[in-house]
N, C-alpha and C. Protein backbone atom coordinates (compact mmCIF):
# COMPACT_ATOMS: atom_id res chain seq x y z
N MET A 1 -26.89 16.61 -7.50
CA MET A 1 -26.04 15.94 -8.45
C MET A 1 -26.55 16.15 -9.87
N ARG A 2 -27.85 16.16 -10.06
CA ARG A 2 -28.39 16.29 -11.41
C ARG A 2 -28.03 17.63 -12.04
N HIS A 3 -27.97 18.67 -11.21
CA HIS A 3 -27.60 19.97 -11.77
C HIS A 3 -26.16 19.95 -12.29
N ARG A 4 -25.30 19.22 -11.64
CA ARG A 4 -23.92 19.11 -12.10
C ARG A 4 -23.85 18.32 -13.40
N GLN A 5 -24.67 17.29 -13.52
CA GLN A 5 -24.73 16.53 -14.76
C GLN A 5 -25.22 17.41 -15.91
N ALA A 6 -26.27 18.17 -15.64
CA ALA A 6 -26.83 19.05 -16.67
C ALA A 6 -25.81 20.10 -17.09
N ILE A 7 -25.11 20.67 -16.12
CA ILE A 7 -24.10 21.68 -16.44
C ILE A 7 -22.97 21.07 -17.26
N ALA A 8 -22.57 19.84 -16.95
CA ALA A 8 -21.51 19.19 -17.71
C ALA A 8 -21.92 19.03 -19.18
N VAL A 9 -23.15 18.61 -19.42
CA VAL A 9 -23.63 18.43 -20.80
C VAL A 9 -23.71 19.78 -21.52
N LEU A 10 -24.27 20.78 -20.84
CA LEU A 10 -24.38 22.10 -21.45
C LEU A 10 -23.00 22.72 -21.71
N ALA A 11 -22.08 22.55 -20.77
CA ALA A 11 -20.73 23.09 -20.94
C ALA A 11 -20.03 22.42 -22.12
N LEU A 12 -20.28 21.15 -22.33
CA LEU A 12 -19.69 20.46 -23.47
C LEU A 12 -20.22 21.07 -24.77
N GLY A 13 -21.51 21.34 -24.82
CA GLY A 13 -22.09 21.99 -25.99
C GLY A 13 -21.49 23.37 -26.22
N GLY A 14 -21.40 24.17 -25.15
CA GLY A 14 -20.80 25.49 -25.26
C GLY A 14 -19.34 25.43 -25.67
N PHE A 15 -18.63 24.43 -25.18
CA PHE A 15 -17.24 24.23 -25.55
C PHE A 15 -17.10 24.05 -27.05
N PHE A 16 -17.96 23.21 -27.63
CA PHE A 16 -17.86 22.94 -29.07
C PHE A 16 -18.26 24.15 -29.91
N VAL A 17 -19.25 24.92 -29.46
CA VAL A 17 -19.61 26.15 -30.17
C VAL A 17 -18.43 27.11 -30.16
N SER A 18 -17.83 27.32 -29.00
CA SER A 18 -16.68 28.23 -28.88
C SER A 18 -15.48 27.71 -29.65
N LEU A 19 -15.26 26.41 -29.61
CA LEU A 19 -14.15 25.82 -30.35
C LEU A 19 -14.31 26.04 -31.85
N TYR A 20 -15.52 25.87 -32.35
CA TYR A 20 -15.80 26.10 -33.76
C TYR A 20 -15.47 27.55 -34.15
N LEU A 21 -15.94 28.50 -33.34
CA LEU A 21 -15.67 29.90 -33.63
C LEU A 21 -14.18 30.24 -33.52
N TRP A 22 -13.52 29.67 -32.54
CA TRP A 22 -12.09 29.92 -32.38
C TRP A 22 -11.28 29.34 -33.54
N LEU A 23 -11.61 28.11 -33.94
CA LEU A 23 -10.89 27.50 -35.06
C LEU A 23 -11.09 28.30 -36.34
N TRP A 24 -12.29 28.86 -36.53
CA TRP A 24 -12.50 29.72 -37.69
C TRP A 24 -11.65 30.98 -37.56
N LYS A 25 -11.65 31.56 -36.38
CA LYS A 25 -10.93 32.81 -36.14
C LYS A 25 -9.43 32.68 -36.42
N ILE A 26 -8.85 31.53 -36.08
CA ILE A 26 -7.41 31.35 -36.29
C ILE A 26 -7.11 30.74 -37.67
N GLY A 27 -8.13 30.61 -38.50
CA GLY A 27 -7.92 30.18 -39.88
C GLY A 27 -7.83 28.69 -40.10
N LYS A 28 -8.29 27.89 -39.16
CA LYS A 28 -8.23 26.43 -39.32
C LYS A 28 -9.48 25.87 -40.00
N LEU A 29 -10.51 26.70 -40.16
CA LEU A 29 -11.73 26.30 -40.85
C LEU A 29 -11.97 27.27 -42.00
N GLY A 30 -12.61 26.79 -43.04
CA GLY A 30 -12.87 27.63 -44.20
C GLY A 30 -13.96 28.64 -43.97
N THR A 31 -15.16 28.30 -44.35
CA THR A 31 -16.28 29.22 -44.28
C THR A 31 -17.00 29.09 -42.94
N LEU A 32 -17.37 30.21 -42.38
CA LEU A 32 -18.13 30.22 -41.14
C LEU A 32 -19.60 30.02 -41.50
N GLN A 33 -20.19 28.94 -41.04
CA GLN A 33 -21.57 28.62 -41.37
C GLN A 33 -22.52 29.35 -40.45
N CYS A 34 -23.15 30.39 -40.98
CA CYS A 34 -24.03 31.21 -40.15
C CYS A 34 -25.38 31.42 -40.82
N GLY A 35 -25.36 31.68 -42.11
CA GLY A 35 -26.60 31.87 -42.84
C GLY A 35 -27.03 33.32 -42.99
N SER A 36 -26.52 34.20 -42.16
CA SER A 36 -26.96 35.59 -42.23
C SER A 36 -25.83 36.56 -42.57
N GLY A 37 -24.59 36.14 -42.49
CA GLY A 37 -23.47 37.04 -42.70
C GLY A 37 -23.08 37.80 -41.45
N GLY A 38 -23.93 37.78 -40.45
CA GLY A 38 -23.65 38.50 -39.21
C GLY A 38 -22.49 37.91 -38.44
N CYS A 39 -22.30 36.61 -38.56
CA CYS A 39 -21.23 35.96 -37.81
C CYS A 39 -19.86 36.48 -38.23
N GLU A 40 -19.66 36.59 -39.55
CA GLU A 40 -18.38 37.11 -40.03
C GLU A 40 -18.17 38.54 -39.57
N ARG A 41 -19.22 39.33 -39.60
CA ARG A 41 -19.11 40.73 -39.19
C ARG A 41 -18.73 40.82 -37.71
N VAL A 42 -19.37 40.00 -36.90
CA VAL A 42 -19.07 40.01 -35.47
C VAL A 42 -17.67 39.47 -35.21
N GLN A 43 -17.32 38.36 -35.85
CA GLN A 43 -16.03 37.71 -35.60
C GLN A 43 -14.83 38.50 -36.13
N THR A 44 -15.07 39.42 -37.07
CA THR A 44 -13.97 40.23 -37.59
C THR A 44 -14.01 41.66 -37.06
N SER A 45 -14.91 41.94 -36.15
CA SER A 45 -15.00 43.29 -35.59
C SER A 45 -13.84 43.54 -34.62
N ALA A 46 -13.69 44.79 -34.25
CA ALA A 46 -12.65 45.17 -33.28
C ALA A 46 -12.91 44.55 -31.91
N TYR A 47 -14.13 44.08 -31.68
CA TYR A 47 -14.51 43.53 -30.38
C TYR A 47 -14.37 42.01 -30.32
N ALA A 48 -13.85 41.42 -31.38
CA ALA A 48 -13.69 39.96 -31.42
C ALA A 48 -12.48 39.48 -30.64
N ASP A 49 -11.68 40.42 -30.14
CA ASP A 49 -10.54 40.08 -29.29
C ASP A 49 -10.71 40.76 -27.95
N PHE A 50 -10.29 40.07 -26.90
CA PHE A 50 -10.36 40.61 -25.55
C PHE A 50 -9.07 40.24 -24.84
N LEU A 51 -8.40 41.23 -24.30
CA LEU A 51 -7.10 41.04 -23.65
C LEU A 51 -6.10 40.37 -24.58
N GLY A 52 -6.18 40.73 -25.87
CA GLY A 52 -5.22 40.22 -26.85
C GLY A 52 -5.50 38.82 -27.36
N LEU A 53 -6.60 38.23 -26.94
CA LEU A 53 -6.94 36.87 -27.39
C LEU A 53 -8.35 36.88 -27.98
N PRO A 54 -8.61 35.97 -28.94
CA PRO A 54 -9.95 35.90 -29.50
C PRO A 54 -10.99 35.62 -28.41
N VAL A 55 -12.12 36.29 -28.51
CA VAL A 55 -13.20 36.08 -27.54
C VAL A 55 -13.60 34.61 -27.51
N ALA A 56 -13.60 33.97 -28.67
CA ALA A 56 -13.98 32.55 -28.72
C ALA A 56 -13.04 31.68 -27.89
N LEU A 57 -11.76 32.04 -27.83
CA LEU A 57 -10.82 31.29 -26.99
C LEU A 57 -11.19 31.44 -25.52
N HIS A 58 -11.61 32.61 -25.13
CA HIS A 58 -12.09 32.80 -23.76
C HIS A 58 -13.27 31.87 -23.49
N GLY A 59 -14.14 31.73 -24.50
CA GLY A 59 -15.27 30.81 -24.37
C GLY A 59 -14.82 29.37 -24.22
N VAL A 60 -13.86 28.96 -25.02
CA VAL A 60 -13.32 27.59 -24.94
C VAL A 60 -12.81 27.32 -23.53
N VAL A 61 -12.02 28.24 -23.01
CA VAL A 61 -11.44 28.07 -21.67
C VAL A 61 -12.54 28.09 -20.60
N GLY A 62 -13.47 29.02 -20.72
CA GLY A 62 -14.54 29.12 -19.73
C GLY A 62 -15.42 27.89 -19.69
N TYR A 63 -15.85 27.43 -20.86
CA TYR A 63 -16.68 26.23 -20.89
C TYR A 63 -15.91 24.99 -20.44
N ALA A 64 -14.61 24.92 -20.77
CA ALA A 64 -13.79 23.80 -20.30
C ALA A 64 -13.70 23.81 -18.78
N ALA A 65 -13.55 24.99 -18.20
CA ALA A 65 -13.50 25.09 -16.73
C ALA A 65 -14.82 24.63 -16.12
N LEU A 66 -15.93 25.07 -16.69
CA LEU A 66 -17.24 24.63 -16.19
C LEU A 66 -17.38 23.11 -16.30
N LEU A 67 -16.96 22.56 -17.43
CA LEU A 67 -17.04 21.11 -17.63
C LEU A 67 -16.20 20.36 -16.60
N VAL A 68 -14.98 20.80 -16.40
CA VAL A 68 -14.09 20.12 -15.45
C VAL A 68 -14.66 20.19 -14.03
N VAL A 69 -15.11 21.36 -13.61
CA VAL A 69 -15.65 21.50 -12.24
C VAL A 69 -16.90 20.64 -12.08
N ALA A 70 -17.76 20.62 -13.10
CA ALA A 70 -18.98 19.80 -13.02
C ALA A 70 -18.62 18.32 -12.92
N LEU A 71 -17.66 17.88 -13.72
CA LEU A 71 -17.26 16.47 -13.68
C LEU A 71 -16.58 16.10 -12.37
N VAL A 72 -15.73 16.99 -11.87
CA VAL A 72 -15.10 16.74 -10.57
C VAL A 72 -16.18 16.68 -9.49
N GLY A 73 -17.17 17.56 -9.58
CA GLY A 73 -18.25 17.58 -8.60
C GLY A 73 -19.12 16.33 -8.63
N LEU A 74 -19.03 15.56 -9.69
CA LEU A 74 -19.79 14.31 -9.79
C LEU A 74 -19.04 13.11 -9.21
N GLN A 75 -17.80 13.31 -8.83
CA GLN A 75 -17.03 12.23 -8.22
C GLN A 75 -17.58 11.95 -6.83
N PRO A 76 -17.63 10.67 -6.43
CA PRO A 76 -18.21 10.32 -5.13
C PRO A 76 -17.68 11.15 -3.96
N ARG A 77 -16.42 11.47 -4.00
CA ARG A 77 -15.80 12.23 -2.91
C ARG A 77 -16.45 13.61 -2.74
N PHE A 78 -16.95 14.20 -3.84
CA PHE A 78 -17.47 15.57 -3.81
C PHE A 78 -18.99 15.66 -3.89
N LEU A 79 -19.67 14.52 -3.99
CA LEU A 79 -21.12 14.56 -4.17
C LEU A 79 -21.85 15.30 -3.05
N GLY A 80 -21.43 15.11 -1.84
CA GLY A 80 -22.10 15.74 -0.71
C GLY A 80 -21.59 17.14 -0.39
N GLN A 81 -20.61 17.59 -1.13
CA GLN A 81 -20.02 18.91 -0.84
C GLN A 81 -20.66 20.00 -1.69
N ARG A 82 -20.74 21.16 -1.10
CA ARG A 82 -21.34 22.31 -1.76
C ARG A 82 -20.33 23.10 -2.59
N THR A 83 -19.06 22.93 -2.34
CA THR A 83 -18.02 23.72 -3.00
C THR A 83 -18.08 23.65 -4.52
N PRO A 84 -18.21 22.47 -5.15
CA PRO A 84 -18.28 22.46 -6.62
C PRO A 84 -19.45 23.29 -7.15
N THR A 85 -20.57 23.26 -6.47
CA THR A 85 -21.72 24.04 -6.91
C THR A 85 -21.47 25.53 -6.76
N LEU A 86 -20.79 25.93 -5.70
CA LEU A 86 -20.42 27.34 -5.53
C LEU A 86 -19.48 27.80 -6.64
N VAL A 87 -18.51 26.96 -6.96
CA VAL A 87 -17.57 27.31 -8.03
C VAL A 87 -18.29 27.38 -9.37
N LEU A 88 -19.20 26.44 -9.62
CA LEU A 88 -19.98 26.48 -10.86
C LEU A 88 -20.81 27.75 -10.96
N ALA A 89 -21.43 28.13 -9.86
CA ALA A 89 -22.24 29.36 -9.86
C ALA A 89 -21.37 30.58 -10.10
N ALA A 90 -20.19 30.62 -9.51
CA ALA A 90 -19.28 31.76 -9.71
C ALA A 90 -18.80 31.83 -11.16
N LEU A 91 -18.36 30.71 -11.70
CA LEU A 91 -17.90 30.68 -13.09
C LEU A 91 -19.03 31.05 -14.05
N ALA A 92 -20.21 30.50 -13.80
CA ALA A 92 -21.35 30.79 -14.67
C ALA A 92 -21.74 32.26 -14.59
N SER A 93 -21.61 32.86 -13.42
CA SER A 93 -21.93 34.28 -13.27
C SER A 93 -20.98 35.16 -14.07
N VAL A 94 -19.70 34.82 -14.02
CA VAL A 94 -18.72 35.56 -14.82
C VAL A 94 -19.02 35.38 -16.30
N GLY A 95 -19.30 34.15 -16.70
CA GLY A 95 -19.64 33.88 -18.10
C GLY A 95 -20.89 34.60 -18.54
N LEU A 96 -21.88 34.65 -17.68
CA LEU A 96 -23.13 35.34 -18.00
C LEU A 96 -22.89 36.84 -18.20
N LEU A 97 -22.13 37.45 -17.31
CA LEU A 97 -21.85 38.88 -17.43
C LEU A 97 -21.05 39.19 -18.70
N PHE A 98 -20.06 38.38 -18.98
CA PHE A 98 -19.26 38.57 -20.18
C PHE A 98 -20.10 38.39 -21.44
N SER A 99 -20.93 37.36 -21.43
CA SER A 99 -21.79 37.10 -22.57
C SER A 99 -22.83 38.21 -22.76
N ALA A 100 -23.36 38.73 -21.66
CA ALA A 100 -24.30 39.84 -21.75
C ALA A 100 -23.63 41.07 -22.37
N TYR A 101 -22.40 41.34 -21.97
CA TYR A 101 -21.64 42.45 -22.53
C TYR A 101 -21.43 42.25 -24.03
N LEU A 102 -21.03 41.05 -24.43
CA LEU A 102 -20.79 40.77 -25.84
C LEU A 102 -22.08 40.87 -26.65
N THR A 103 -23.18 40.39 -26.09
CA THR A 103 -24.47 40.48 -26.79
C THR A 103 -24.89 41.94 -26.93
N TRP A 104 -24.64 42.74 -25.91
CA TRP A 104 -24.93 44.17 -26.00
C TRP A 104 -24.09 44.81 -27.11
N LEU A 105 -22.83 44.43 -27.22
CA LEU A 105 -21.98 44.95 -28.29
C LEU A 105 -22.54 44.60 -29.66
N GLU A 106 -23.01 43.37 -29.81
CA GLU A 106 -23.60 42.97 -31.09
C GLU A 106 -24.78 43.87 -31.43
N PHE A 107 -25.61 44.13 -30.45
CA PHE A 107 -26.82 44.93 -30.66
C PHE A 107 -26.52 46.42 -30.86
N ALA A 108 -25.76 46.99 -29.95
CA ALA A 108 -25.62 48.45 -29.89
C ALA A 108 -24.44 49.01 -30.67
N VAL A 109 -23.40 48.23 -30.88
CA VAL A 109 -22.19 48.76 -31.49
C VAL A 109 -21.93 48.15 -32.87
N ILE A 110 -21.93 46.83 -32.94
CA ILE A 110 -21.59 46.15 -34.19
C ILE A 110 -22.78 46.13 -35.15
N HIS A 111 -23.97 46.12 -34.62
CA HIS A 111 -25.22 46.08 -35.42
C HIS A 111 -25.28 44.84 -36.31
N ALA A 112 -24.89 43.72 -35.72
CA ALA A 112 -24.96 42.43 -36.40
C ALA A 112 -25.11 41.35 -35.34
N TRP A 113 -25.78 40.28 -35.72
CA TRP A 113 -26.00 39.17 -34.80
C TRP A 113 -25.29 37.93 -35.31
N CYS A 114 -24.55 37.32 -34.43
CA CYS A 114 -23.91 36.03 -34.73
C CYS A 114 -24.76 34.95 -34.08
N ARG A 115 -25.30 34.07 -34.90
CA ARG A 115 -26.16 33.01 -34.35
C ARG A 115 -25.40 32.09 -33.40
N TRP A 116 -24.15 31.83 -33.69
CA TRP A 116 -23.34 30.98 -32.82
C TRP A 116 -23.13 31.67 -31.47
N CYS A 117 -22.90 32.97 -31.51
CA CYS A 117 -22.71 33.72 -30.26
C CYS A 117 -23.99 33.75 -29.45
N LEU A 118 -25.11 33.93 -30.12
CA LEU A 118 -26.40 33.92 -29.42
C LEU A 118 -26.68 32.54 -28.83
N GLY A 119 -26.29 31.50 -29.55
CA GLY A 119 -26.43 30.14 -29.01
C GLY A 119 -25.59 29.95 -27.77
N SER A 120 -24.36 30.45 -27.81
CA SER A 120 -23.49 30.37 -26.64
C SER A 120 -24.08 31.16 -25.47
N ALA A 121 -24.64 32.33 -25.78
CA ALA A 121 -25.27 33.14 -24.73
C ALA A 121 -26.44 32.39 -24.10
N ALA A 122 -27.22 31.72 -24.91
CA ALA A 122 -28.35 30.93 -24.38
C ALA A 122 -27.84 29.80 -23.50
N ILE A 123 -26.77 29.15 -23.92
CA ILE A 123 -26.21 28.05 -23.13
C ILE A 123 -25.74 28.55 -21.77
N ILE A 124 -25.05 29.68 -21.74
CA ILE A 124 -24.53 30.16 -20.45
C ILE A 124 -25.68 30.63 -19.55
N VAL A 125 -26.76 31.15 -20.13
CA VAL A 125 -27.92 31.52 -19.32
C VAL A 125 -28.50 30.28 -18.65
N VAL A 126 -28.63 29.19 -19.40
CA VAL A 126 -29.18 27.96 -18.83
C VAL A 126 -28.23 27.37 -17.79
N ILE A 127 -26.93 27.42 -18.06
CA ILE A 127 -25.95 26.94 -17.07
C ILE A 127 -26.07 27.75 -15.80
N TRP A 128 -26.15 29.07 -15.92
CA TRP A 128 -26.25 29.96 -14.76
C TRP A 128 -27.51 29.64 -13.96
N ALA A 129 -28.64 29.51 -14.63
CA ALA A 129 -29.89 29.20 -13.94
C ALA A 129 -29.81 27.84 -13.25
N THR A 130 -29.21 26.87 -13.92
CA THR A 130 -29.06 25.54 -13.34
C THR A 130 -28.15 25.57 -12.12
N ALA A 131 -27.09 26.36 -12.18
CA ALA A 131 -26.19 26.49 -11.03
C ALA A 131 -26.91 27.14 -9.85
N LEU A 132 -27.74 28.14 -10.12
CA LEU A 132 -28.50 28.77 -9.05
C LEU A 132 -29.49 27.81 -8.42
N ILE A 133 -30.13 27.02 -9.24
CA ILE A 133 -31.03 25.98 -8.72
C ILE A 133 -30.25 25.01 -7.85
N GLY A 134 -29.05 24.65 -8.31
CA GLY A 134 -28.20 23.75 -7.52
C GLY A 134 -27.82 24.35 -6.18
N LEU A 135 -27.63 25.65 -6.12
CA LEU A 135 -27.31 26.30 -4.85
C LEU A 135 -28.47 26.24 -3.87
N ARG A 136 -29.67 26.27 -4.38
CA ARG A 136 -30.85 26.26 -3.54
C ARG A 136 -31.19 24.88 -3.00
N ARG A 137 -30.69 23.85 -3.65
CA ARG A 137 -31.00 22.48 -3.25
C ARG A 137 -29.92 21.94 -2.33
N ARG A 138 -30.34 21.00 -1.54
CA ARG A 138 -29.35 20.26 -0.75
C ARG A 138 -28.73 19.21 -1.67
N PRO A 139 -27.50 18.80 -1.38
CA PRO A 139 -26.85 17.78 -2.24
C PRO A 139 -27.72 16.53 -2.37
N ASP A 140 -27.76 15.99 -3.61
CA ASP A 140 -28.55 14.78 -3.88
C ASP A 140 -27.95 13.58 -3.20
């Protein structure tokens, strides 16, 4: 159960990071607070959209899905079931692979680092590791 709680908190953090980037991308926020200028370069690159939608929107949806599954998994009916943890591990794995690809693009193609993106990448790594730990444990 604790791994689901931890994932819910981390997913909420990732949700807000992605929401911030998405709101900037669609013009609802003024200046992107990054400190290095790399964020603007990454967010305005040709790779800032995936399947016709901003990458940050994919993050919003992905973190929201992780949050919902973690919260549903904390309901008494699902506490003893392994299914929510399996779904969390699957979602986190997809997020980790996507984030690794985007981080590689920042390094190898765009040649700029977005601190917000790196923060999101760190969050998904911790969520993924926590989900794997949850898979190894018996339900609390």
